[in-house]
Amino acid sequence: MKSPLTGLSKFDFFGVLLLRLGVGVLLAFHGYPILTGGGEVWAEVGSGAKITTLPENFYEFAGLASGLIQFMGGILLIIGLFTRGASLLLVIVVGFAIANHIVAESYQLSFIAHLQLALGLLGLVFIGPGRLSLDRKGI
């Protein structure tokens, strides 16, 4: 017997669009307060690198870079431009958050959420932008 859901495979491009929109909106909303937060917020976010031999202004730079990558990467995912590159940069940023959870031995709900986000972003690296994007070939 044929499953009633097999006909949905012709709309696979819509699933990729939903994944890009969902992850992009979440990351843009998460990155915006970091980006606009200023030096203290940047230093707090950047200190997640946990490298003690670096100067304090490096942590501010790392926090600013994290906020910028999250916000701009989320926007790029939403519009479907440079999807694979943006997803790869976002996986690296989320990887630092996962590493912080592992070092702190804090396996709470946010740890699971970061893992899920990293897996979704890795999926986008391999799947690509889909048919409904600015990255689409032949536009």
C-alpha atoms as a PDB file:
ATOM      1  CA  MET A   1       0.000   0.000   0.000  1.00  0.00           C
ATOM      2  CA  LYS A   2       1.284   3.420  -0.950  1.00  0.00           C
ATOM      3  CA  SER A   3       1.662   6.004   1.812  1.00  0.00           C
ATOM      4  CA  PRO A   4      -0.527   9.093   1.442  1.00  0.00           C
ATOM      5  CA  LEU A   5       2.510  11.272   2.184  1.00  0.00           C
ATOM      6  CA  THR A   6       4.585  10.128  -0.807  1.00  0.00           C
ATOM      7  CA  GLY A   7       3.091  12.871  -2.972  1.00  0.00           C
ATOM      8  CA  LEU A   8       4.746  15.503  -0.806  1.00  0.00           C
ATOM      9  CA  SER A   9       8.158  14.736  -2.324  1.00  0.00           C
ATOM     10  CA  LYS A  10       7.352  17.002  -5.260  1.00  0.00           C
ATOM     11  CA  PHE A  11       7.282  19.910  -2.753  1.00  0.00           C
ATOM     12  CA  ASP A  12      10.725  19.241  -1.269  1.00  0.00           C
ATOM     13  CA  PHE A  13      11.825  22.756  -2.227  1.00  0.00           C
ATOM     14  CA  PHE A  14       9.218  24.117   0.193  1.00  0.00           C
ATOM     15  CA  GLY A  15      10.722  22.103   3.064  1.00  0.00           C
ATOM     16  CA  VAL A  16      14.154  23.603   2.406  1.00  0.00           C
ATOM     17  CA  LEU A  17      12.565  27.070   2.332  1.00  0.00           C
ATOM     18  CA  LEU A  18      10.881  26.453   5.698  1.00  0.00           C
ATOM     19  CA  LEU A  19      14.163  25.236   7.180  1.00  0.00           C
ATOM     20  CA  ARG A  20      16.048  28.272   5.876  1.00  0.00           C
ATOM     21  CA  LEU A  21      13.377  30.717   7.065  1.00  0.00           C
ATOM     22  CA  GLY A  22      13.003  29.164  10.500  1.00  0.00           C
ATOM     23  CA  VAL A  23      16.693  28.902  11.274  1.00  0.00           C
ATOM     24  CA  GLY A  24      17.427  32.286   9.689  1.00  0.00           C
ATOM     25  CA  VAL A  25      14.796  34.137  11.701  1.00  0.00           C
ATOM     26  CA  LEU A  26      15.897  32.486  14.955  1.00  0.00           C
ATOM     27  CA  LEU A  27      19.532  33.370  14.400  1.00  0.00           C
ATOM     28  CA  ALA A  28      18.846  36.928  13.216  1.00  0.00           C
ATOM     29  CA  PHE A  29      16.730  37.587  16.317  1.00  0.00           C
ATOM     30  CA  HIS A  30      19.402  36.049  18.529  1.00  0.00           C
ATOM     31  CA  GLY A  31      22.268  37.954  16.895  1.00  0.00           C
ATOM     32  CA  TYR A  32      20.655  41.411  16.790  1.00  0.00           C
ATOM     33  CA  PRO A  33      20.828  42.130  20.561  1.00  0.00           C
ATOM     34  CA  ILE A  34      24.421  40.910  20.600  1.00  0.00           C
ATOM     35  CA  LEU A  35      25.311  43.105  17.649  1.00  0.00           C
ATOM     36  CA  THR A  36      23.730  46.216  19.140  1.00  0.00           C
ATOM     37  CA  GLY A  37      24.675  45.478  22.761  1.00  0.00           C
ATOM     38  CA  GLY A  38      28.018  47.242  22.821  1.00  0.00           C
ATOM     39  CA  GLY A  39      31.377  46.407  24.355  1.00  0.00           C
ATOM     40  CA  GLU A  40      30.186  44.732  27.553  1.00  0.00           C
ATOM     41  CA  VAL A  41      27.853  42.374  25.725  1.00  0.00           C
ATOM     42  CA  TRP A  42      30.504  41.643  23.091  1.00  0.00           C
ATOM     43  CA  ALA A  43      33.088  40.847  25.782  1.00  0.00           C
ATOM     44  CA  GLU A  44      30.629  38.562  27.584  1.00  0.00           C
ATOM     45  CA  VAL A  45      29.709  36.689  24.419  1.00  0.00           C
ATOM     46  CA  GLY A  46      33.304  36.597  23.185  1.00  0.00           C
ATOM     47  CA  SER A  47      34.608  35.273  26.478  1.00  0.00           C
ATOM     48  CA  GLY A  48      32.943  32.020  25.534  1.00  0.00           C
ATOM     49  CA  ALA A  49      36.178  31.173  23.730  1.00  0.00           C
ATOM     50  CA  LYS A  50      37.704  30.555  27.211  1.00  0.00           C
ATOM     51  CA  ILE A  51      41.269  31.273  26.099  1.00  0.00           C
ATOM     52  CA  THR A  52      42.884  33.049  29.040  1.00  0.00           C
ATOM     53  CA  THR A  53      46.084  34.217  27.337  1.00  0.00           C
ATOM     54  CA  LEU A  54      44.311  36.615  24.996  1.00  0.00           C
ATOM     55  CA  PRO A  55      43.825  40.325  25.678  1.00  0.00           C
ATOM     56  CA  GLU A  56      40.396  41.606  26.749  1.00  0.00           C
ATOM     57  CA  ASN A  57      39.782  43.479  23.491  1.00  0.00           C
ATOM     58  CA  PHE A  58      39.993  40.160  21.636  1.00  0.00           C
ATOM     59  CA  TYR A  59      36.893  38.991  23.500  1.00  0.00           C
ATOM     60  CA  GLU A  60      35.063  42.129  22.411  1.00  0.00           C
ATOM     61  CA  PHE A  61      36.072  41.465  18.815  1.00  0.00           C
ATOM     62  CA  ALA A  62      35.018  37.806  19.077  1.00  0.00           C
ATOM     63  CA  GLY A  63      31.642  38.800  20.546  1.00  0.00           C
ATOM     64  CA  LEU A  64      31.083  41.396  17.826  1.00  0.00           C
ATOM     65  CA  ALA A  65      32.035  38.848  15.171  1.00  0.00           C
ATOM     66  CA  SER A  66      29.651  36.318  16.710  1.00  0.00           C
ATOM     67  CA  GLY A  67      26.753  38.790  16.737  1.00  0.00           C
ATOM     68  CA  LEU A  68      27.514  39.904  13.191  1.00  0.00           C
ATOM     69  CA  ILE A  69      27.741  36.349  11.886  1.00  0.00           C
ATOM     70  CA  GLN A  70      24.507  35.375  13.630  1.00  0.00           C
ATOM     71  CA  PHE A  71      22.554  38.412  12.453  1.00  0.00           C
ATOM     72  CA  MET A  72      23.885  38.641   8.904  1.00  0.00           C
ATOM     73  CA  GLY A  73      24.018  34.861   8.530  1.00  0.00           C
ATOM     74  CA  GLY A  74      20.362  34.667   9.555  1.00  0.00           C
ATOM     75  CA  ILE A  75      19.430  37.356   7.014  1.00  0.00           C
ATOM     76  CA  LEU A  76      21.404  35.549   4.300  1.00  0.00           C
ATOM     77  CA  LEU A  77      19.590  32.296   5.114  1.00  0.00           C
ATOM     78  CA  ILE A  78      16.220  34.055   4.956  1.00  0.00           C
ATOM     79  CA  ILE A  79      16.860  35.453   1.479  1.00  0.00           C
ATOM     80  CA  GLY A  80      18.767  32.398   0.320  1.00  0.00           C
ATOM     81  CA  LEU A  81      22.029  34.083  -0.614  1.00  0.00           C
ATOM     82  CA  PHE A  82      25.420  32.451   0.101  1.00  0.00           C
ATOM     83  CA  THR A  83      23.466  29.779   1.964  1.00  0.00           C
ATOM     84  CA  ARG A  84      26.196  27.177   2.237  1.00  0.00           C
ATOM     85  CA  GLY A  85      28.904  29.612   3.356  1.00  0.00           C
ATOM     86  CA  ALA A  86      26.640  31.349   5.857  1.00  0.00           C
ATOM     87  CA  SER A  87      25.528  27.988   7.249  1.00  0.00           C
ATOM     88  CA  LEU A  88      29.125  26.861   7.642  1.00  0.00           C
ATOM     89  CA  LEU A  89      30.091  30.044   9.531  1.00  0.00           C
ATOM     90  CA  LEU A  90      27.017  29.653  11.727  1.00  0.00           C
ATOM     91  CA  VAL A  91      27.929  26.034  12.481  1.00  0.00           C
ATOM     92  CA  ILE A  92      31.304  27.269  13.730  1.00  0.00           C
ATOM     93  CA  VAL A  93      29.683  29.892  15.970  1.00  0.00           C
ATOM     94  CA  VAL A  94      27.177  27.376  17.339  1.00  0.00           C
ATOM     95  CA  GLY A  95      30.054  24.925  17.774  1.00  0.00           C
ATOM     96  CA  PHE A  96      31.658  27.321  20.260  1.00  0.00           C
ATOM     97  CA  ALA A  97      28.420  27.369  22.244  1.00  0.00           C
ATOM     98  CA  ILE A  98      28.317  23.569  22.218  1.00  0.00           C
ATOM     99  CA  ALA A  99      31.959  23.416  23.325  1.00  0.00           C
ATOM    100  CA  ASN A 100      31.192  25.780  26.214  1.00  0.00           C
ATOM    101  CA  HIS A 101      28.399  23.481  27.368  1.00  0.00           C
ATOM    102  CA  ILE A 102      30.718  20.479  27.193  1.00  0.00           C
ATOM    103  CA  VAL A 103      33.523  22.234  29.111  1.00  0.00           C
ATOM    104  CA  ALA A 104      31.083  23.435  31.774  1.00  0.00           C
ATOM    105  CA  GLU A 105      29.465  19.984  31.869  1.00  0.00           C
ATOM    106  CA  SER A 106      26.137  21.748  31.485  1.00  0.00           C
ATOM    107  CA  TYR A 107      23.948  19.393  29.495  1.00  0.00           C
ATOM    108  CA  GLN A 108      20.698  21.285  29.880  1.00  0.00           C
ATOM    109  CA  LEU A 109      17.975  22.157  27.418  1.00  0.00           C
ATOM    110  CA  SER A 110      20.046  24.879  25.724  1.00  0.00           C
ATOM    111  CA  PHE A 111      22.750  22.290  25.007  1.00  0.00           C
ATOM    112  CA  ILE A 112      20.210  20.149  23.160  1.00  0.00           C
ATOM    113  CA  ALA A 113      18.901  23.227  21.329  1.00  0.00           C
ATOM    114  CA  HIS A 114      22.414  24.133  20.182  1.00  0.00           C
ATOM    115  CA  LEU A 115      22.984  20.578  18.963  1.00  0.00           C
ATOM    116  CA  GLN A 116      19.732  20.633  17.017  1.00  0.00           C
ATOM    117  CA  LEU A 117      20.592  23.997  15.501  1.00  0.00           C
ATOM    118  CA  ALA A 118      24.048  22.760  14.490  1.00  0.00           C
ATOM    119  CA  LEU A 119      22.549  19.680  12.834  1.00  0.00           C
ATOM    120  CA  GLY A 120      20.007  21.789  10.937  1.00  0.00           C
ATOM    121  CA  LEU A 121      22.744  24.144   9.764  1.00  0.00           C
ATOM    122  CA  LEU A 122      24.955  21.244   8.715  1.00  0.00           C
ATOM    123  CA  GLY A 123      22.019  19.898   6.756  1.00  0.00           C
ATOM    124  CA  LEU A 124      21.742  23.238   4.955  1.00  0.00           C
ATOM    125  CA  VAL A 125      25.459  23.104   4.133  1.00  0.00           C
ATOM    126  CA  PHE A 126      24.895  19.831   2.278  1.00  0.00           C
ATOM    127  CA  ILE A 127      21.373  20.433   0.937  1.00  0.00           C
ATOM    128  CA  GLY A 128      22.007  23.941  -0.315  1.00  0.00           C
ATOM    129  CA  PRO A 129      19.589  26.817  -0.719  1.00  0.00           C
ATOM    130  CA  GLY A 130      16.825  25.016  -2.579  1.00  0.00           C
ATOM    131  CA  ARG A 131      14.774  26.184  -5.530  1.00  0.00           C
ATOM    132  CA  LEU A 132      13.257  29.272  -3.871  1.00  0.00           C
ATOM    133  CA  SER A 133      16.395  31.324  -3.207  1.00  0.00           C
ATOM    134  CA  LEU A 134      18.644  33.970  -4.683  1.00  0.00           C
ATOM    135  CA  ASP A 135      21.420  31.368  -4.906  1.00  0.00           C
ATOM    136  CA  ARG A 136      19.479  29.301  -7.408  1.00  0.00           C
ATOM    137  CA  LYS A 137      21.352  28.679 -10.615  1.00  0.00           C
ATOM    138  CA  GLY A 138      19.750  29.995 -13.775  1.00  0.00           C
ATOM    139  CA  ILE A 139      17.863  32.951 -12.340  1.00  0.00           C
END
